[in-house]
Amino acid sequence: VDSVKGRFTISRDNIENTLFLEMNSLKPEDTAV
């Protein structure tokens, strides 16, 4: 989504069966479940 471009990075490890979301420069509007 445009609001997180340049700040968030999605990645996956198919060997460990894990999805990641690296979140940087967090803002109050990122507050959510």
PDB file of all heavy atoms in Angstrom:
ATOM      1  N   VAL A   1       0.856  -1.170   0.000  1.00  0.00           N
ATOM      2  CA  VAL A   1       0.000   0.000   0.000  1.00  0.00           C
ATOM      3  C   VAL A   1       0.906   1.238   0.000  1.00  0.00           C
ATOM      4  O   VAL A   1       2.005   1.217   0.571  1.00  0.00           O
ATOM      5  CB  VAL A   1      -0.951  -0.007   1.214  1.00  0.00           C
ATOM      6  CG1 VAL A   1      -0.186   0.127   2.523  1.00  0.00           C
ATOM      7  CG2 VAL A   1      -2.009   1.067   1.082  1.00  0.00           C
ATOM      8  N   ASP A   2       0.461   2.302  -0.658  1.00  0.00           N
ATOM      9  CA  ASP A   2       1.306   3.478  -0.826  1.00  0.00           C
ATOM     10  C   ASP A   2       1.829   4.036   0.493  1.00  0.00           C
ATOM     11  O   ASP A   2       2.965   4.518   0.571  1.00  0.00           O
ATOM     12  CB  ASP A   2       0.541   4.576  -1.573  1.00  0.00           C
ATOM     13  CG  ASP A   2       0.377   4.278  -3.050  1.00  0.00           C
ATOM     14  OD1 ASP A   2       1.064   3.374  -3.561  1.00  0.00           O
ATOM     15  OD2 ASP A   2      -0.443   4.954  -3.692  1.00  0.00           O
ATOM     16  N   SER A   3       1.030   3.972   1.528  1.00  0.00           N
ATOM     17  CA  SER A   3       1.392   4.599   2.792  1.00  0.00           C
ATOM     18  C   SER A   3       2.575   3.935   3.499  1.00  0.00           C
ATOM     19  O   SER A   3       3.159   4.530   4.406  1.00  0.00           O
ATOM     20  CB  SER A   3       0.191   4.634   3.736  1.00  0.00           C
ATOM     21  OG  SER A   3      -0.250   3.326   4.050  1.00  0.00           O
ATOM     22  N   VAL A   4       2.950   2.722   3.092  1.00  0.00           N
ATOM     23  CA  VAL A   4       4.066   2.034   3.741  1.00  0.00           C
ATOM     24  C   VAL A   4       5.253   1.826   2.818  1.00  0.00           C
ATOM     25  O   VAL A   4       6.289   1.312   3.268  1.00  0.00           O
ATOM     26  CB  VAL A   4       3.635   0.680   4.342  1.00  0.00           C
ATOM     27  CG1 VAL A   4       2.406   0.847   5.220  1.00  0.00           C
ATOM     28  CG2 VAL A   4       3.394  -0.363   3.250  1.00  0.00           C
ATOM     29  N   LYS A   5       5.139   2.216   1.564  1.00  0.00           N
ATOM     30  CA  LYS A   5       6.242   2.036   0.624  1.00  0.00           C
ATOM     31  C   LYS A   5       7.484   2.785   1.105  1.00  0.00           C
ATOM     32  O   LYS A   5       7.410   3.941   1.510  1.00  0.00           O
ATOM     33  CB  LYS A   5       5.842   2.525  -0.767  1.00  0.00           C
ATOM     34  CG  LYS A   5       4.851   1.625  -1.466  1.00  0.00           C
ATOM     35  CD  LYS A   5       4.509   2.146  -2.860  1.00  0.00           C
ATOM     36  CE  LYS A   5       3.543   1.212  -3.566  1.00  0.00           C
ATOM     37  NZ  LYS A   5       3.152   1.725  -4.902  1.00  0.00           N
ATOM     38  N   GLY A   6       8.607   2.102   1.064  1.00  0.00           N
ATOM     39  CA  GLY A   6       9.847   2.679   1.537  1.00  0.00           C
ATOM     40  C   GLY A   6      10.078   2.512   3.018  1.00  0.00           C
ATOM     41  O   GLY A   6      11.194   2.775   3.502  1.00  0.00           O
ATOM     42  N   ARG A   7       9.061   2.086   3.760  1.00  0.00           N
ATOM     43  CA  ARG A   7       9.193   1.896   5.199  1.00  0.00           C
ATOM     44  C   ARG A   7       9.058   0.432   5.611  1.00  0.00           C
ATOM     45  O   ARG A   7       9.718  -0.010   6.551  1.00  0.00           O
ATOM     46  CB  ARG A   7       8.145   2.716   5.951  1.00  0.00           C
ATOM     47  CG  ARG A   7       8.254   4.214   5.718  1.00  0.00           C
ATOM     48  CD  ARG A   7       7.354   4.992   6.677  1.00  0.00           C
ATOM     49  NE  ARG A   7       5.941   4.676   6.476  1.00  0.00           N
ATOM     50  CZ  ARG A   7       5.143   4.151   7.407  1.00  0.00           C
ATOM     51  NH1 ARG A   7       5.616   3.888   8.620  1.00  0.00           N
ATOM     52  NH2 ARG A   7       3.869   3.907   7.136  1.00  0.00           N
ATOM     53  N   PHE A   8       8.189  -0.305   4.919  1.00  0.00           N
ATOM     54  CA  PHE A   8       7.930  -1.706   5.252  1.00  0.00           C
ATOM     55  C   PHE A   8       8.520  -2.609   4.183  1.00  0.00           C
ATOM     56  O   PHE A   8       8.544  -2.258   2.997  1.00  0.00           O
ATOM     57  CB  PHE A   8       6.428  -1.992   5.337  1.00  0.00           C
ATOM     58  CG  PHE A   8       5.715  -1.366   6.500  1.00  0.00           C
ATOM     59  CD1 PHE A   8       6.317  -0.412   7.306  1.00  0.00           C
ATOM     60  CD2 PHE A   8       4.408  -1.733   6.790  1.00  0.00           C
ATOM     61  CE1 PHE A   8       5.648   0.165   8.370  1.00  0.00           C
ATOM     62  CE2 PHE A   8       3.725  -1.171   7.850  1.00  0.00           C
ATOM     63  CZ  PHE A   8       4.345  -0.217   8.644  1.00  0.00           C
ATOM     64  N   THR A   9       8.951  -3.794   4.586  1.00  0.00           N
ATOM     65  CA  THR A   9       9.452  -4.795   3.659  1.00  0.00           C
ATOM     66  C   THR A   9       8.853  -6.148   4.001  1.00  0.00           C
ATOM     67  O   THR A   9       8.978  -6.618   5.136  1.00  0.00           O
ATOM     68  CB  THR A   9      10.982  -4.893   3.700  1.00  0.00           C
ATOM     69  OG1 THR A   9      11.563  -3.627   3.386  1.00  0.00           O
ATOM     70  CG2 THR A   9      11.475  -5.927   2.687  1.00  0.00           C
ATOM     71  N   ILE A  10       8.198  -6.764   3.033  1.00  0.00           N
ATOM     72  CA  ILE A  10       7.657  -8.102   3.217  1.00  0.00           C
ATOM     73  C   ILE A  10       8.645  -9.109   2.646  1.00  0.00           C
ATOM     74  O   ILE A  10       9.263  -8.873   1.606  1.00  0.00           O
ATOM     75  CB  ILE A  10       6.271  -8.242   2.557  1.00  0.00           C
ATOM     76  CG1 ILE A  10       5.631  -9.592   2.906  1.00  0.00           C
ATOM     77  CG2 ILE A  10       6.348  -8.052   1.044  1.00  0.00           C
ATOM     78  CD1 ILE A  10       4.178  -9.712   2.459  1.00  0.00           C
ATOM     79  N   SER A  11       8.812 -10.222   3.330  1.00  0.00           N
ATOM     80  CA  SER A  11       9.701 -11.271   2.863  1.00  0.00           C
ATOM     81  C   SER A  11       9.201 -12.620   3.373  1.00  0.00           C
ATOM     82  O   SER A  11       8.310 -12.677   4.228  1.00  0.00           O
ATOM     83  CB  SER A  11      11.145 -11.017   3.316  1.00  0.00           C
ATOM     84  OG  SER A  11      11.238 -11.011   4.729  1.00  0.00           O
ATOM     85  N   ARG A  12       9.777 -13.683   2.841  1.00  0.00           N
ATOM     86  CA  ARG A  12       9.359 -15.011   3.276  1.00  0.00           C
ATOM     87  C   ARG A  12      10.529 -15.963   3.251  1.00  0.00           C
ATOM     88  O   ARG A  12      11.474 -15.810   2.467  1.00  0.00           O
ATOM     89  CB  ARG A  12       8.223 -15.545   2.387  1.00  0.00           C
ATOM     90  CG  ARG A  12       8.613 -15.782   0.933  1.00  0.00           C
ATOM     91  CD  ARG A  12       7.381 -16.048   0.077  1.00  0.00           C
ATOM     92  NE  ARG A  12       6.656 -17.229   0.511  1.00  0.00           N
ATOM     93  CZ  ARG A  12       5.397 -17.506   0.183  1.00  0.00           C
ATOM     94  NH1 ARG A  12       4.710 -16.656  -0.579  1.00  0.00           N
ATOM     95  NH2 ARG A  12       4.816 -18.620   0.620  1.00  0.00           N
ATOM     96  N   ASP A  13      10.462 -16.968   4.107  1.00  0.00           N
ATOM     97  CA  ASP A  13      11.439 -18.037   4.164  1.00  0.00           C
ATOM     98  C   ASP A  13      10.665 -19.329   3.974  1.00  0.00           C
ATOM     99  O   ASP A  13      10.003 -19.801   4.895  1.00  0.00           O
ATOM    100  CB  ASP A  13      12.188 -18.029   5.493  1.00  0.00           C
ATOM    101  CG  ASP A  13      13.294 -19.054   5.550  1.00  0.00           C
ATOM    102  OD1 ASP A  13      13.256 -20.042   4.799  1.00  0.00           O
ATOM    103  OD2 ASP A  13      14.225 -18.868   6.367  1.00  0.00           O
ATOM    104  N   ASN A  14      10.732 -19.876   2.780  1.00  0.00           N
ATOM    105  CA  ASN A  14       9.945 -21.062   2.465  1.00  0.00           C
ATOM    106  C   ASN A  14      10.528 -22.339   3.061  1.00  0.00           C
ATOM    107  O   ASN A  14       9.861 -23.375   3.055  1.00  0.00           O
ATOM    108  CB  ASN A  14       9.788 -21.202   0.953  1.00  0.00           C
ATOM    109  CG  ASN A  14       8.840 -20.172   0.372  1.00  0.00           C
ATOM    110  OD1 ASN A  14       8.134 -19.485   1.100  1.00  0.00           O
ATOM    111  ND2 ASN A  14       8.819 -20.060  -0.950  1.00  0.00           N
ATOM    112  N   ILE A  15      11.762 -22.274   3.540  1.00  0.00           N
ATOM    113  CA  ILE A  15      12.348 -23.419   4.216  1.00  0.00           C
ATOM    114  C   ILE A  15      11.850 -23.491   5.652  1.00  0.00           C
ATOM    115  O   ILE A  15      11.507 -24.564   6.163  1.00  0.00           O
ATOM    116  CB  ILE A  15      13.887 -23.360   4.189  1.00  0.00           C
ATOM    117  CG1 ILE A  15      14.391 -23.321   2.744  1.00  0.00           C
ATOM    118  CG2 ILE A  15      14.480 -24.548   4.939  1.00  0.00           C
ATOM    119  CD1 ILE A  15      13.975 -24.515   1.916  1.00  0.00           C
ATOM    120  N   GLU A  16      11.784 -22.339   6.317  1.00  0.00           N
ATOM    121  CA  GLU A  16      11.313 -22.267   7.695  1.00  0.00           C
ATOM    122  C   GLU A  16       9.809 -22.027   7.799  1.00  0.00           C
ATOM    123  O   GLU A  16       9.286 -21.943   8.910  1.00  0.00           O
ATOM    124  CB  GLU A  16      12.058 -21.167   8.446  1.00  0.00           C
ATOM    125  CG  GLU A  16      13.559 -21.374   8.531  1.00  0.00           C
ATOM    126  CD  GLU A  16      13.913 -22.599   9.339  1.00  0.00           C
ATOM    127  OE1 GLU A  16      13.152 -22.954  10.264  1.00  0.00           O
ATOM    128  OE2 GLU A  16      14.952 -23.221   9.050  1.00  0.00           O
ATOM    129  N   ASN A  17       9.129 -21.898   6.669  1.00  0.00           N
ATOM    130  CA  ASN A  17       7.675 -21.686   6.647  1.00  0.00           C
ATOM    131  C   ASN A  17       7.272 -20.443   7.438  1.00  0.00           C
ATOM    132  O   ASN A  17       6.363 -20.481   8.272  1.00  0.00           O
ATOM    133  CB  ASN A  17       6.934 -22.907   7.190  1.00  0.00           C
ATOM    134  CG  ASN A  17       7.050 -24.113   6.298  1.00  0.00           C
ATOM    135  OD1 ASN A  17       7.496 -24.026   5.158  1.00  0.00           O
ATOM    136  ND2 ASN A  17       6.630 -25.258   6.815  1.00  0.00           N
ATOM    137  N   THR A  18       7.936 -19.340   7.148  1.00  0.00           N
ATOM    138  CA  THR A  18       7.693 -18.120   7.903  1.00  0.00           C
ATOM    139  C   THR A  18       7.594 -16.913   6.977  1.00  0.00           C
ATOM    140  O   THR A  18       8.380 -16.773   6.041  1.00  0.00           O
ATOM    141  CB  THR A  18       8.803 -17.876   8.932  1.00  0.00           C
ATOM    142  OG1 THR A  18       8.943 -19.032   9.765  1.00  0.00           O
ATOM    143  CG2 THR A  18       8.462 -16.688   9.818  1.00  0.00           C
ATOM    144  N   LEU A  19       6.634 -16.057   7.262  1.00  0.00           N
ATOM    145  CA  LEU A  19       6.445 -14.784   6.579  1.00  0.00           C
ATOM    146  C   LEU A  19       6.866 -13.667   7.520  1.00  0.00           C
ATOM    147  O   LEU A  19       6.626 -13.745   8.727  1.00  0.00           O
ATOM    148  CB  LEU A  19       4.979 -14.617   6.192  1.00  0.00           C
ATOM    149  CG  LEU A  19       4.567 -13.291   5.559  1.00  0.00           C
ATOM    150  CD1 LEU A  19       5.063 -13.216   4.121  1.00  0.00           C
ATOM    151  CD2 LEU A  19       3.047 -13.130   5.619  1.00  0.00           C
ATOM    152  N   PHE A  20       7.467 -12.615   6.970  1.00  0.00           N
ATOM    153  CA  PHE A  20       7.945 -11.502   7.776  1.00  0.00           C
ATOM    154  C   PHE A  20       7.413 -10.177   7.254  1.00  0.00           C
ATOM    155  O   PHE A  20       7.118 -10.025   6.077  1.00  0.00           O
ATOM    156  CB  PHE A  20       9.474 -11.436   7.774  1.00  0.00           C
ATOM    157  CG  PHE A  20      10.146 -12.669   8.274  1.00  0.00           C
ATOM    158  CD1 PHE A  20      10.634 -13.613   7.386  1.00  0.00           C
ATOM    159  CD2 PHE A  20      10.294 -12.896   9.628  1.00  0.00           C
ATOM    160  CE1 PHE A  20      11.265 -14.755   7.836  1.00  0.00           C
ATOM    161  CE2 PHE A  20      10.916 -14.032  10.100  1.00  0.00           C
ATOM    162  CZ  PHE A  20      11.401 -14.964   9.206  1.00  0.00           C
ATOM    163  N   LEU A  21       7.318  -9.220   8.153  1.00  0.00           N
ATOM    164  CA  LEU A  21       7.061  -7.840   7.784  1.00  0.00           C
ATOM    165  C   LEU A  21       7.988  -6.968   8.616  1.00  0.00           C
ATOM    166  O   LEU A  21       7.783  -6.827   9.825  1.00  0.00           O
ATOM    167  CB  LEU A  21       5.601  -7.445   8.009  1.00  0.00           C
ATOM    168  CG  LEU A  21       5.233  -6.038   7.544  1.00  0.00           C
ATOM    169  CD1 LEU A  21       5.302  -5.954   6.017  1.00  0.00           C
ATOM    170  CD2 LEU A  21       3.842  -5.645   8.037  1.00  0.00           C
ATOM    171  N   GLU A  22       9.001  -6.411   7.973  1.00  0.00           N
ATOM    172  CA  GLU A  22       9.917  -5.491   8.631  1.00  0.00           C
ATOM    173  C   GLU A  22       9.338  -4.093   8.521  1.00  0.00           C
ATOM    174  O   GLU A  22       9.103  -3.604   7.419  1.00  0.00           O
ATOM    175  CB  GLU A  22      11.294  -5.556   7.979  1.00  0.00           C
ATOM    176  CG  GLU A  22      12.347  -4.706   8.659  1.00  0.00           C
ATOM    177  CD  GLU A  22      12.793  -5.275   9.984  1.00  0.00           C
ATOM    178  OE1 GLU A  22      12.786  -6.505  10.138  1.00  0.00           O
ATOM    179  OE2 GLU A  22      13.158  -4.482  10.879  1.00  0.00           O
ATOM    180  N   MET A  23       9.100  -3.455   9.654  1.00  0.00           N
ATOM    181  CA  MET A  23       8.468  -2.149   9.698  1.00  0.00           C
ATOM    182  C   MET A  23       9.444  -1.146  10.296  1.00  0.00           C
ATOM    183  O   MET A  23       9.904  -1.327  11.425  1.00  0.00           O
ATOM    184  CB  MET A  23       7.181  -2.192  10.510  1.00  0.00           C
ATOM    185  CG  MET A  23       6.177  -3.235  10.030  1.00  0.00           C
ATOM    186  SD  MET A  23       4.603  -3.163  10.932  1.00  0.00           S
ATOM    187  CE  MET A  23       5.163  -3.624  12.570  1.00  0.00           C
ATOM    188  N   ASN A  24       9.742  -0.109   9.547  1.00  0.00           N
ATOM    189  CA  ASN A  24      10.655   0.938   9.976  1.00  0.00           C
ATOM    190  C   ASN A  24       9.967   2.293   9.926  1.00  0.00           C
ATOM    191  O   ASN A  24       8.945   2.464   9.271  1.00  0.00           O
ATOM    192  CB  ASN A  24      11.903   0.960   9.089  1.00  0.00           C
ATOM    193  CG  ASN A  24      12.671  -0.332   9.125  1.00  0.00           C
ATOM    194  OD1 ASN A  24      13.045  -0.816  10.188  1.00  0.00           O
ATOM    195  ND2 ASN A  24      12.926  -0.906   7.949  1.00  0.00           N
ATOM    196  N   SER A  25      10.553   3.258  10.612  1.00  0.00           N
ATOM    197  CA  SER A  25      10.016   4.624  10.642  1.00  0.00           C
ATOM    198  C   SER A  25       8.530   4.623  10.959  1.00  0.00           C
ATOM    199  O   SER A  25       7.723   5.267  10.282  1.00  0.00           O
ATOM    200  CB  SER A  25      10.284   5.327   9.303  1.00  0.00           C
ATOM    201  OG  SER A  25      11.666   5.389   9.026  1.00  0.00           O
ATOM    202  N   LEU A  26       8.168   3.928  11.997  1.00  0.00           N
ATOM    203  CA  LEU A  26       6.761   3.744  12.330  1.00  0.00           C
ATOM    204  C   LEU A  26       6.097   5.053  12.735  1.00  0.00           C
ATOM    205  O   LEU A  26       6.710   5.913  13.378  1.00  0.00           O
ATOM    206  CB  LEU A  26       6.612   2.711  13.434  1.00  0.00           C
ATOM    207  CG  LEU A  26       6.786   1.265  12.961  1.00  0.00           C
ATOM    208  CD1 LEU A  26       7.045   0.338  14.131  1.00  0.00           C
ATOM    209  CD2 LEU A  26       5.546   0.819  12.188  1.00  0.00           C
ATOM    210  N   LYS A  27       4.837   5.175  12.349  1.00  0.00           N
ATOM    211  CA  LYS A  27       4.032   6.352  12.606  1.00  0.00           C
ATOM    212  C   LYS A  27       2.810   5.965  13.428  1.00  0.00           C
ATOM    213  O   LYS A  27       2.389   4.811  13.407  1.00  0.00           O
ATOM    214  CB  LYS A  27       3.572   6.983  11.286  1.00  0.00           C
ATOM    215  CG  LYS A  27       4.697   7.332  10.323  1.00  0.00           C
ATOM    216  CD  LYS A  27       4.134   7.822   9.002  1.00  0.00           C
ATOM    217  CE  LYS A  27       5.237   8.157   8.023  1.00  0.00           C
ATOM    218  NZ  LYS A  27       4.684   8.623   6.724  1.00  0.00           N
ATOM    219  N   PRO A  28       2.211   6.923  14.134  1.00  0.00           N
ATOM    220  CA  PRO A  28       1.001   6.607  14.903  1.00  0.00           C
ATOM    221  C   PRO A  28      -0.101   5.975  14.060  1.00  0.00           C
ATOM    222  O   PRO A  28      -0.837   5.119  14.560  1.00  0.00           O
ATOM    223  CB  PRO A  28       0.572   7.966  15.456  1.00  0.00           C
ATOM    224  CG  PRO A  28       1.850   8.723  15.580  1.00  0.00           C
ATOM    225  CD  PRO A  28       2.666   8.305  14.387  1.00  0.00           C
ATOM    226  N   GLU A  29      -0.221   6.378  12.802  1.00  0.00           N
ATOM    227  CA  GLU A  29      -1.250   5.824  11.939  1.00  0.00           C
ATOM    228  C   GLU A  29      -0.995   4.373  11.550  1.00  0.00           C
ATOM    229  O   GLU A  29      -1.854   3.746  10.932  1.00  0.00           O
ATOM    230  CB  GLU A  29      -1.436   6.685  10.676  1.00  0.00           C
ATOM    231  CG  GLU A  29      -0.151   6.946   9.916  1.00  0.00           C
ATOM    232  CD  GLU A  29       0.463   8.292  10.245  1.00  0.00           C
ATOM    233  OE1 GLU A  29       0.473   8.667  11.441  1.00  0.00           O
ATOM    234  OE2 GLU A  29       0.924   8.977   9.315  1.00  0.00           O
ATOM    235  N   ASP A  30       0.169   3.832  11.898  1.00  0.00           N
ATOM    236  CA  ASP A  30       0.436   2.417  11.689  1.00  0.00           C
ATOM    237  C   ASP A  30      -0.157   1.551  12.794  1.00  0.00           C
ATOM    238  O   ASP A  30      -0.134   0.320  12.694  1.00  0.00           O
ATOM    239  CB  ASP A  30       1.942   2.159  11.612  1.00  0.00           C
ATOM    240  CG  ASP A  30       2.590   2.812  10.405  1.00  0.00           C
ATOM    241  OD1 ASP A  30       1.990   2.771   9.309  1.00  0.00           O
ATOM    242  OD2 ASP A  30       3.699   3.357  10.560  1.00  0.00           O
ATOM    243  N   THR A  31      -0.667   2.176  13.843  1.00  0.00           N
ATOM    244  CA  THR A  31      -1.263   1.438  14.950  1.00  0.00           C
ATOM    245  C   THR A  31      -2.467   0.638  14.469  1.00  0.00           C
ATOM    246  O   THR A  31      -3.401   1.194  13.896  1.00  0.00           O
ATOM    247  CB  THR A  31      -1.680   2.391  16.072  1.00  0.00           C
ATOM    248  OG1 THR A  31      -0.519   3.014  16.624  1.00  0.00           O
ATOM    249  CG2 THR A  31      -2.413   1.645  17.176  1.00  0.00           C
ATOM    250  N   ALA A  32      -2.439  -0.656  14.698  1.00  0.00           N
ATOM    251  CA  ALA A  32      -3.508  -1.539  14.236  1.00  0.00           C
ATOM    252  C   ALA A  32      -3.201  -2.961  14.682  1.00  0.00           C
ATOM    253  O   ALA A  32      -2.103  -3.259  15.158  1.00  0.00           O
ATOM    254  CB  ALA A  32      -3.630  -1.492  12.710  1.00  0.00           C
ATOM    255  N   VAL A  33      -4.182  -3.830  14.510  1.00  0.00           N
ATOM    256  CA  VAL A  33      -3.941  -5.258  14.603  1.00  0.00           C
ATOM    257  C   VAL A  33      -3.507  -5.732  13.223  1.00  0.00           C
ATOM    258  O   VAL A  33      -4.190  -5.473  12.232  1.00  0.00           O
ATOM    259  CB  VAL A  33      -5.187  -6.029  15.068  1.00  0.00           C
ATOM    260  CG1 VAL A  33      -4.924  -7.530  15.060  1.00  0.00           C
ATOM    261  CG2 VAL A  33      -5.601  -5.571  16.462  1.00  0.00           C
TER     262      VAL A  33
END
